[in-house]
């Protein structure tokens, strides 16, 4: 697994956490997964997104819930 980071920058997506190197927010990924979209479907819909990026978003979301 690569070291994908979740970053937050006020100049990108109004500071919402995103998968590093993309403008895809953690919220978007988690909402899609909760709605039943599969990881493979997310990867097809967002070519710059990686499986590791999705897993990083899930971990980030889990940590934020603690």
PDB file of N, CA and C in Angstrom:
ATOM      1  N   UNK A   1       0.840  -1.174   0.000  1.00  0.00           N
ATOM      2  CA  UNK A   1       0.000   0.000   0.000  1.00  0.00           C
ATOM      3  C   UNK A   1       0.887   1.240   0.000  1.00  0.00           C
ATOM      4  N   UNK A   2       0.533   2.202  -0.807  1.00  0.00           N
ATOM      5  CA  UNK A   2       1.300   3.442  -0.838  1.00  0.00           C
ATOM      6  C   UNK A   2       0.857   4.341   0.300  1.00  0.00           C
ATOM      7  N   UNK A   3       1.618   5.370   0.553  1.00  0.00           N
ATOM      8  CA  UNK A   3       1.330   6.294   1.647  1.00  0.00           C
ATOM      9  C   UNK A   3       0.472   7.446   1.132  1.00  0.00           C
ATOM     10  N   UNK A   4      -0.820   7.188   0.924  1.00  0.00           N
ATOM     11  CA  UNK A   4      -1.748   8.213   0.467  1.00  0.00           C
ATOM     12  C   UNK A   4      -2.169   9.037   1.670  1.00  0.00           C
ATOM     13  N   UNK A   5      -2.183  10.341   1.495  1.00  0.00           N
ATOM     14  CA  UNK A   5      -2.534  11.236   2.583  1.00  0.00           C
ATOM     15  C   UNK A   5      -3.865  11.919   2.323  1.00  0.00           C
ATOM     16  N   UNK A   6      -4.496  12.308   3.392  1.00  0.00           N
ATOM     17  CA  UNK A   6      -5.670  13.157   3.319  1.00  0.00           C
ATOM     18  C   UNK A   6      -5.183  14.545   3.717  1.00  0.00           C
ATOM     19  N   UNK A   7      -5.472  15.525   2.881  1.00  0.00           N
ATOM     20  CA  UNK A   7      -5.002  16.877   3.154  1.00  0.00           C
ATOM     21  C   UNK A   7      -6.178  17.840   3.224  1.00  0.00           C
ATOM     22  N   UNK A   8      -5.915  18.964   3.853  1.00  0.00           N
ATOM     23  CA  UNK A   8      -6.915  20.015   3.959  1.00  0.00           C
ATOM     24  C   UNK A   8      -6.218  21.343   3.703  1.00  0.00           C
ATOM     25  N   UNK A   9      -6.685  22.065   2.699  1.00  0.00           N
ATOM     26  CA  UNK A   9      -6.086  23.339   2.306  1.00  0.00           C
ATOM     27  C   UNK A   9      -7.226  24.303   2.027  1.00  0.00           C
ATOM     28  N   UNK A  10      -7.233  25.464   2.667  1.00  0.00           N
ATOM     29  CA  UNK A  10      -8.321  26.416   2.448  1.00  0.00           C
ATOM     30  C   UNK A  10      -8.521  26.798   0.976  1.00  0.00           C
ATOM     31  N   UNK A  11      -7.477  26.644   0.169  1.00  0.00           N
ATOM     32  CA  UNK A  11      -7.576  27.000  -1.249  1.00  0.00           C
ATOM     33  C   UNK A  11      -8.147  25.861  -2.098  1.00  0.00           C
ATOM     34  N   UNK A  12      -8.354  24.683  -1.504  1.00  0.00           N
ATOM     35  CA  UNK A  12      -8.863  23.527  -2.239  1.00  0.00           C
ATOM     36  C   UNK A  12     -10.162  23.058  -1.586  1.00  0.00           C
ATOM     37  N   UNK A  13     -11.243  23.098  -2.325  1.00  0.00           N
ATOM     38  CA  UNK A  13     -12.546  22.621  -1.854  1.00  0.00           C
ATOM     39  C   UNK A  13     -12.933  23.238  -0.505  1.00  0.00           C
ATOM     40  N   UNK A  14     -12.641  24.517  -0.352  1.00  0.00           N
ATOM     41  CA  UNK A  14     -12.976  25.283   0.854  1.00  0.00           C
ATOM     42  C   UNK A  14     -12.426  24.654   2.135  1.00  0.00           C
ATOM     43  N   UNK A  15     -11.289  23.977   2.019  1.00  0.00           N
ATOM     44  CA  UNK A  15     -10.623  23.413   3.184  1.00  0.00           C
ATOM     45  C   UNK A  15     -11.138  22.061   3.627  1.00  0.00           C
ATOM     46  N   UNK A  16     -12.102  21.514   2.889  1.00  0.00           N
ATOM     47  CA  UNK A  16     -12.604  20.182   3.258  1.00  0.00           C
ATOM     48  C   UNK A  16     -11.514  19.148   2.986  1.00  0.00           C
ATOM     49  N   UNK A  17     -11.418  18.107   3.808  1.00  0.00           N
ATOM     50  CA  UNK A  17     -10.384  17.088   3.606  1.00  0.00           C
ATOM     51  C   UNK A  17     -10.570  16.372   2.262  1.00  0.00           C
ATOM     52  N   UNK A  18      -9.471  16.261   1.526  1.00  0.00           N
ATOM     53  CA  UNK A  18      -9.477  15.606   0.214  1.00  0.00           C
ATOM     54  C   UNK A  18      -8.357  14.585   0.143  1.00  0.00           C
ATOM     55  N   UNK A  19      -8.493  13.652  -0.787  1.00  0.00           N
ATOM     56  CA  UNK A  19      -7.402  12.720  -1.071  1.00  0.00           C
ATOM     57  C   UNK A  19      -6.312  13.534  -1.751  1.00  0.00           C
ATOM     58  N   UNK A  20      -5.117  13.475  -1.215  1.00  0.00           N
ATOM     59  CA  UNK A  20      -3.992  14.253  -1.726  1.00  0.00           C
ATOM     60  C   UNK A  20      -3.832  14.068  -3.234  1.00  0.00           C
ATOM     61  N   UNK A  21      -3.650  15.176  -3.934  1.00  0.00           N
ATOM     62  CA  UNK A  21      -3.460  15.139  -5.377  1.00  0.00           C
ATOM     63  C   UNK A  21      -4.760  15.126  -6.159  1.00  0.00           C
ATOM     64  N   UNK A  22      -5.889  15.194  -5.450  1.00  0.00           N
ATOM     65  CA  UNK A  22      -7.196  15.227  -6.114  1.00  0.00           C
ATOM     66  C   UNK A  22      -8.040  16.332  -5.489  1.00  0.00           C
ATOM     67  N   UNK A  23      -9.206  16.534  -6.046  1.00  0.00           N
ATOM     68  CA  UNK A  23     -10.193  17.424  -5.445  1.00  0.00           C
ATOM     69  C   UNK A  23     -11.396  16.595  -4.980  1.00  0.00           C
ATOM     70  N   UNK A  24     -11.131  15.347  -4.672  1.00  0.00           N
ATOM     71  CA  UNK A  24     -12.183  14.433  -4.241  1.00  0.00           C
ATOM     72  C   UNK A  24     -12.201  14.416  -2.716  1.00  0.00           C
ATOM     73  N   UNK A  25     -13.333  14.851  -2.159  1.00  0.00           N
ATOM     74  CA  UNK A  25     -13.407  14.982  -0.709  1.00  0.00           C
ATOM     75  C   UNK A  25     -13.676  13.640  -0.038  1.00  0.00           C
ATOM     76  N   UNK A  26     -13.217  13.572   1.200  1.00  0.00           N
ATOM     77  CA  UNK A  26     -13.492  12.396   2.026  1.00  0.00           C
ATOM     78  C   UNK A  26     -14.997  12.218   2.158  1.00  0.00           C
ATOM     79  N   UNK A  27     -15.706  13.322   2.388  1.00  0.00           N
ATOM     80  CA  UNK A  27     -17.165  13.254   2.515  1.00  0.00           C
ATOM     81  C   UNK A  27     -17.805  12.610   1.290  1.00  0.00           C
ATOM     82  N   UNK A  28     -17.362  13.008   0.113  1.00  0.00           N
ATOM     83  CA  UNK A  28     -17.935  12.460  -1.113  1.00  0.00           C
ATOM     84  C   UNK A  28     -17.712  10.950  -1.186  1.00  0.00           C
ATOM     85  N   UNK A  29     -16.502  10.528  -0.898  1.00  0.00           N
ATOM     86  CA  UNK A  29     -16.190   9.100  -0.955  1.00  0.00           C
ATOM     87  C   UNK A  29     -17.057   8.328   0.034  1.00  0.00           C
ATOM     88  N   UNK A  30     -17.142   8.811   1.266  1.00  0.00           N
ATOM     89  CA  UNK A  30     -17.910   8.106   2.284  1.00  0.00           C
ATOM     90  C   UNK A  30     -19.402   8.096   1.965  1.00  0.00           C
ATOM     91  N   UNK A  31     -19.909   9.193   1.437  1.00  0.00           N
ATOM     92  CA  UNK A  31     -21.327   9.244   1.054  1.00  0.00           C
ATOM     93  C   UNK A  31     -21.624   8.259  -0.069  1.00  0.00           C
ATOM     94  N   UNK A  32     -20.745   8.173  -1.042  1.00  0.00           N
ATOM     95  CA  UNK A  32     -20.940   7.242  -2.152  1.00  0.00           C
ATOM     96  C   UNK A  32     -20.916   5.799  -1.657  1.00  0.00           C
ATOM     97  N   UNK A  33     -19.949   5.486  -0.815  1.00  0.00           N
ATOM     98  CA  UNK A  33     -19.866   4.125  -0.282  1.00  0.00           C
ATOM     99  C   UNK A  33     -21.105   3.791   0.552  1.00  0.00           C
ATOM    100  N   UNK A  34     -21.557   4.739   1.359  1.00  0.00           N
ATOM    101  CA  UNK A  34     -22.754   4.514   2.187  1.00  0.00           C
ATOM    102  C   UNK A  34     -23.992   4.307   1.327  1.00  0.00           C
ATOM    103  N   UNK A  35     -24.007   4.901   0.129  1.00  0.00           N
ATOM    104  CA  UNK A  35     -25.145   4.764  -0.777  1.00  0.00           C
ATOM    105  C   UNK A  35     -25.097   3.470  -1.579  1.00  0.00           C
ATOM    106  N   UNK A  36     -24.034   2.689  -1.385  1.00  0.00           N
ATOM    107  CA  UNK A  36     -23.950   1.406  -2.061  1.00  0.00           C
ATOM    108  C   UNK A  36     -23.033   1.359  -3.269  1.00  0.00           C
ATOM    109  N   UNK A  37     -22.364   2.473  -3.572  1.00  0.00           N
ATOM    110  CA  UNK A  37     -21.406   2.491  -4.673  1.00  0.00           C
ATOM    111  C   UNK A  37     -20.194   1.666  -4.248  1.00  0.00           C
ATOM    112  N   UNK A  38     -19.711   0.825  -5.129  1.00  0.00           N
ATOM    113  CA  UNK A  38     -18.560  -0.016  -4.796  1.00  0.00           C
ATOM    114  C   UNK A  38     -17.250   0.744  -5.025  1.00  0.00           C
ATOM    115  N   UNK A  39     -16.189   0.210  -4.457  1.00  0.00           N
ATOM    116  CA  UNK A  39     -14.871   0.803  -4.673  1.00  0.00           C
ATOM    117  C   UNK A  39     -14.534   0.802  -6.160  1.00  0.00           C
ATOM    118  N   UNK A  40     -14.811  -0.301  -6.843  1.00  0.00           N
ATOM    119  CA  UNK A  40     -14.521  -0.360  -8.284  1.00  0.00           C
ATOM    120  C   UNK A  40     -15.306   0.690  -9.059  1.00  0.00           C
ATOM    121  N   UNK A  41     -16.559   0.929  -8.675  1.00  0.00           N
ATOM    122  CA  UNK A  41     -17.353   1.960  -9.347  1.00  0.00           C
ATOM    123  C   UNK A  41     -16.766   3.343  -9.092  1.00  0.00           C
ATOM    124  N   UNK A  42     -16.316   3.599  -7.874  1.00  0.00           N
ATOM    125  CA  UNK A  42     -15.675   4.880  -7.577  1.00  0.00           C
ATOM    126  C   UNK A  42     -14.412   5.070  -8.406  1.00  0.00           C
ATOM    127  N   UNK A  43     -13.626   3.999  -8.534  1.00  0.00           N
ATOM    128  CA  UNK A  43     -12.387   4.091  -9.312  1.00  0.00           C
ATOM    129  C   UNK A  43     -12.677   4.391 -10.782  1.00  0.00           C
ATOM    130  N   UNK A  44     -13.726   3.794 -11.329  1.00  0.00           N
ATOM    131  CA  UNK A  44     -14.087   4.075 -12.724  1.00  0.00           C
ATOM    132  C   UNK A  44     -14.605   5.498 -12.892  1.00  0.00           C
ATOM    133  N   UNK A  45     -15.341   5.983 -11.901  1.00  0.00           N
ATOM    134  CA  UNK A  45     -15.929   7.325 -11.993  1.00  0.00           C
ATOM    135  C   UNK A  45     -14.893   8.434 -11.781  1.00  0.00           C
ATOM    136  N   UNK A  46     -13.823   8.124 -11.064  1.00  0.00           N
ATOM    137  CA  UNK A  46     -12.801   9.128 -10.727  1.00  0.00           C
ATOM    138  C   UNK A  46     -11.427   8.567 -11.072  1.00  0.00           C
ATOM    139  N   UNK A  47     -10.973   8.730 -12.307  1.00  0.00           N
ATOM    140  CA  UNK A  47      -9.712   8.124 -12.759  1.00  0.00           C
ATOM    141  C   UNK A  47      -8.481   8.500 -11.939  1.00  0.00           C
ATOM    142  N   UNK A  48      -8.476   9.672 -11.302  1.00  0.00           N
ATOM    143  CA  UNK A  48      -7.301  10.068 -10.508  1.00  0.00           C
ATOM    144  C   UNK A  48      -7.307   9.447  -9.124  1.00  0.00           C
ATOM    145  N   UNK A  49      -8.428   8.885  -8.722  1.00  0.00           N
ATOM    146  CA  UNK A  49      -8.551   8.261  -7.415  1.00  0.00           C
ATOM    147  C   UNK A  49      -7.952   6.856  -7.464  1.00  0.00           C
ATOM    148  N   UNK A  50      -7.335   6.452  -6.377  1.00  0.00           N
ATOM    149  CA  UNK A  50      -6.762   5.106  -6.292  1.00  0.00           C
ATOM    150  C   UNK A  50      -7.452   4.332  -5.170  1.00  0.00           C
ATOM    151  N   UNK A  51      -7.278   3.030  -5.205  1.00  0.00           N
ATOM    152  CA  UNK A  51      -7.817   2.185  -4.125  1.00  0.00           C
ATOM    153  C   UNK A  51      -7.218   2.632  -2.788  1.00  0.00           C
ATOM    154  N   UNK A  52      -5.931   2.921  -2.775  1.00  0.00           N
ATOM    155  CA  UNK A  52      -5.290   3.390  -1.543  1.00  0.00           C
ATOM    156  C   UNK A  52      -5.877   4.714  -1.078  1.00  0.00           C
ATOM    157  N   UNK A  53      -6.233   5.571  -2.014  1.00  0.00           N
ATOM    158  CA  UNK A  53      -6.870   6.844  -1.658  1.00  0.00           C
ATOM    159  C   UNK A  53      -8.221   6.634  -1.008  1.00  0.00           C
ATOM    160  N   UNK A  54      -8.990   5.688  -1.525  1.00  0.00           N
ATOM    161  CA  UNK A  54     -10.295   5.373  -0.937  1.00  0.00           C
ATOM    162  C   UNK A  54     -10.108   4.814   0.468  1.00  0.00           C
ATOM    163  N   UNK A  55      -9.160   3.909   0.622  1.00  0.00           N
ATOM    164  CA  UNK A  55      -8.908   3.327   1.943  1.00  0.00           C
ATOM    165  C   UNK A  55      -8.425   4.389   2.931  1.00  0.00           C
ATOM    166  N   UNK A  56      -7.624   5.334   2.462  1.00  0.00           N
ATOM    167  CA  UNK A  56      -7.173   6.426   3.324  1.00  0.00           C
ATOM    168  C   UNK A  56      -8.362   7.279   3.763  1.00  0.00           C
ATOM    169  N   UNK A  57      -9.306   7.519   2.860  1.00  0.00           N
ATOM    170  CA  UNK A  57     -10.502   8.299   3.198  1.00  0.00           C
ATOM    171  C   UNK A  57     -11.339   7.565   4.242  1.00  0.00           C
ATOM    172  N   UNK A  58     -11.465   6.257   4.091  1.00  0.00           N
ATOM    173  CA  UNK A  58     -12.222   5.464   5.071  1.00  0.00           C
ATOM    174  C   UNK A  58     -11.543   5.534   6.438  1.00  0.00           C
ATOM    175  N   UNK A  59     -10.223   5.369   6.460  1.00  0.00           N
ATOM    176  CA  UNK A  59      -9.489   5.450   7.735  1.00  0.00           C
ATOM    177  C   UNK A  59      -9.651   6.832   8.358  1.00  0.00           C
ATOM    178  N   UNK A  60      -9.544   7.875   7.537  1.00  0.00           N
ATOM    179  CA  UNK A  60      -9.679   9.236   8.028  1.00  0.00           C
ATOM    180  C   UNK A  60     -11.064   9.437   8.630  1.00  0.00           C
ATOM    181  N   UNK A  61     -12.089   8.992   7.919  1.00  0.00           N
ATOM    182  CA  UNK A  61     -13.444   9.120   8.423  1.00  0.00           C
ATOM    183  C   UNK A  61     -13.643   8.382   9.729  1.00  0.00           C
ATOM    184  N   UNK A  62     -13.035   7.218   9.846  1.00  0.00           N
ATOM    185  CA  UNK A  62     -13.134   6.431  11.066  1.00  0.00           C
ATOM    186  C   UNK A  62     -12.448   7.154  12.232  1.00  0.00           C
ATOM    187  N   UNK A  63     -11.286   7.710  11.984  1.00  0.00           N
ATOM    188  CA  UNK A  63     -10.542   8.421  13.035  1.00  0.00           C
ATOM    189  C   UNK A  63     -11.292   9.660  13.487  1.00  0.00           C
ATOM    190  N   UNK A  64     -11.962  10.343  12.572  1.00  0.00           N
ATOM    191  CA  UNK A  64     -12.705  11.552  12.908  1.00  0.00           C
ATOM    192  C   UNK A  64     -13.922  11.256  13.767  1.00  0.00           C
ATOM    193  N   UNK A  65     -14.392  10.021  13.762  1.00  0.00           N
ATOM    194  CA  UNK A  65     -15.555   9.639  14.535  1.00  0.00           C
ATOM    195  C   UNK A  65     -15.222   9.323  15.982  1.00  0.00           C
ATOM    196  N   UNK A  66     -13.938   9.167  16.290  1.00  0.00           N
ATOM    197  CA  UNK A  66     -13.535   8.784  17.656  1.00  0.00           C
ATOM    198  C   UNK A  66     -13.673   9.921  18.623  1.00  0.00           C
TER     199      UNK A  66
END
